[in-house]
Amino acid sequence: MIAFFSGTPGPVEILVILVVILLLFGAKRLPDLARSLGRSLSEFKKGKAEGKKELEDTLSTEESSEETEGKQ
């Protein structure tokens, strides 16, 4: 039983997890769950990219204002 939870899950463990999910949610709801998971992941990636861009813009603005202050 300990080998079941050690390291990276193998094909048997993934199959067991998929069967449990199928039993819990049913075959009709799985496509909806997968679709909503895909949308959530897409929104997360979009938000992450926007946050990174905003951080880079802020840092570049601070650097340029420090250079301007140093010249004066």
C-alpha atoms as a PDB file:
ATOM      1  CA  MET A   1       0.000   0.000   0.000  1.00  0.00           C
ATOM      2  CA  ILE A   2       2.890   2.387   0.642  1.00  0.00           C
ATOM      3  CA  ALA A   3       4.128   1.919  -2.931  1.00  0.00           C
ATOM      4  CA  PHE A   4       0.777   3.301  -4.098  1.00  0.00           C
ATOM      5  CA  PHE A   5       1.591   6.742  -2.688  1.00  0.00           C
ATOM      6  CA  SER A   6       5.323   6.996  -3.339  1.00  0.00           C
ATOM      7  CA  GLY A   7       6.772   9.161  -6.092  1.00  0.00           C
ATOM      8  CA  THR A   8       5.098  10.072  -9.348  1.00  0.00           C
ATOM      9  CA  PRO A   9       1.740   8.399  -9.996  1.00  0.00           C
ATOM     10  CA  GLY A  10       1.934   5.625 -12.526  1.00  0.00           C
ATOM     11  CA  PRO A  11      -0.702   4.444 -14.988  1.00  0.00           C
ATOM     12  CA  VAL A  12      -2.478   2.278 -12.403  1.00  0.00           C
ATOM     13  CA  GLU A  13      -2.843   5.153  -9.939  1.00  0.00           C
ATOM     14  CA  ILE A  14      -4.085   7.512 -12.651  1.00  0.00           C
ATOM     15  CA  LEU A  15      -6.641   4.905 -13.755  1.00  0.00           C
ATOM     16  CA  VAL A  16      -7.896   4.498 -10.180  1.00  0.00           C
ATOM     17  CA  ILE A  17      -8.247   8.266  -9.801  1.00  0.00           C
ATOM     18  CA  LEU A  18     -10.164   8.545 -13.084  1.00  0.00           C
ATOM     19  CA  VAL A  19     -12.540   5.737 -12.072  1.00  0.00           C
ATOM     20  CA  VAL A  20     -13.227   7.423  -8.724  1.00  0.00           C
ATOM     21  CA  ILE A  21     -13.923  10.752 -10.461  1.00  0.00           C
ATOM     22  CA  LEU A  22     -16.240   9.005 -12.916  1.00  0.00           C
ATOM     23  CA  LEU A  23     -18.144   7.391 -10.053  1.00  0.00           C
ATOM     24  CA  LEU A  24     -18.405  10.645  -8.095  1.00  0.00           C
ATOM     25  CA  PHE A  25     -19.554  12.943 -10.879  1.00  0.00           C
ATOM     26  CA  GLY A  26     -21.020  10.663 -13.532  1.00  0.00           C
ATOM     27  CA  ALA A  27     -20.372  10.553 -17.253  1.00  0.00           C
ATOM     28  CA  LYS A  28     -22.761  13.417 -18.072  1.00  0.00           C
ATOM     29  CA  ARG A  29     -21.015  16.010 -15.894  1.00  0.00           C
ATOM     30  CA  LEU A  30     -17.410  15.210 -16.841  1.00  0.00           C
ATOM     31  CA  PRO A  31     -17.361  17.268 -20.072  1.00  0.00           C
ATOM     32  CA  ASP A  32     -18.789  20.265 -18.196  1.00  0.00           C
ATOM     33  CA  LEU A  33     -16.185  19.892 -15.468  1.00  0.00           C
ATOM     34  CA  ALA A  34     -13.371  19.647 -18.015  1.00  0.00           C
ATOM     35  CA  ARG A  35     -14.679  22.697 -19.889  1.00  0.00           C
ATOM     36  CA  SER A  36     -14.901  24.816 -16.733  1.00  0.00           C
ATOM     37  CA  LEU A  37     -11.434  23.669 -15.663  1.00  0.00           C
ATOM     38  CA  GLY A  38     -10.061  24.746 -19.054  1.00  0.00           C
ATOM     39  CA  ARG A  39     -11.710  28.160 -18.771  1.00  0.00           C
ATOM     40  CA  SER A  40     -10.370  28.626 -15.255  1.00  0.00           C
ATOM     41  CA  LEU A  41      -6.864  27.725 -16.359  1.00  0.00           C
ATOM     42  CA  SER A  42      -7.109  30.142 -19.279  1.00  0.00           C
ATOM     43  CA  GLU A  43      -8.251  32.981 -16.991  1.00  0.00           C
ATOM     44  CA  PHE A  44      -5.456  32.187 -14.542  1.00  0.00           C
ATOM     45  CA  LYS A  45      -2.825  32.341 -17.293  1.00  0.00           C
ATOM     46  CA  LYS A  46      -4.292  35.614 -18.595  1.00  0.00           C
ATOM     47  CA  GLY A  47      -4.232  37.161 -15.120  1.00  0.00           C
ATOM     48  CA  LYS A  48      -0.687  35.961 -14.534  1.00  0.00           C
ATOM     49  CA  ALA A  49       0.481  37.528 -17.803  1.00  0.00           C
ATOM     50  CA  GLU A  50      -1.263  40.815 -16.997  1.00  0.00           C
ATOM     51  CA  GLY A  51       0.285  40.893 -13.516  1.00  0.00           C
ATOM     52  CA  LYS A  52       3.745  40.223 -14.910  1.00  0.00           C
ATOM     53  CA  LYS A  53       3.335  42.970 -17.523  1.00  0.00           C
ATOM     54  CA  GLU A  54       2.144  45.430 -14.875  1.00  0.00           C
ATOM     55  CA  LEU A  55       5.102  44.573 -12.638  1.00  0.00           C
ATOM     56  CA  GLU A  56       7.561  45.042 -15.507  1.00  0.00           C
ATOM     57  CA  ASP A  57       5.948  48.385 -16.413  1.00  0.00           C
ATOM     58  CA  THR A  58       6.190  49.545 -12.800  1.00  0.00           C
ATOM     59  CA  LEU A  59       9.824  48.515 -12.525  1.00  0.00           C
ATOM     60  CA  SER A  60      10.760  50.202 -15.802  1.00  0.00           C
ATOM     61  CA  THR A  61       8.960  53.394 -14.722  1.00  0.00           C
ATOM     62  CA  GLU A  62      10.855  53.415 -11.418  1.00  0.00           C
ATOM     63  CA  GLU A  63      14.181  52.867 -13.200  1.00  0.00           C
ATOM     64  CA  SER A  64      13.540  55.698 -15.638  1.00  0.00           C
ATOM     65  CA  SER A  65      12.525  58.074 -12.831  1.00  0.00           C
ATOM     66  CA  GLU A  66      15.699  57.181 -10.894  1.00  0.00           C
ATOM     67  CA  GLU A  67      17.814  57.901 -13.982  1.00  0.00           C
ATOM     68  CA  THR A  68      16.074  61.262 -14.440  1.00  0.00           C
ATOM     69  CA  GLU A  69      16.663  62.210 -10.797  1.00  0.00           C
ATOM     70  CA  GLY A  70      20.320  61.196 -11.058  1.00  0.00           C
ATOM     71  CA  LYS A  71      20.936  63.511 -14.026  1.00  0.00           C
ATOM     72  CA  GLN A  72      19.515  66.563 -12.280  1.00  0.00           C
END
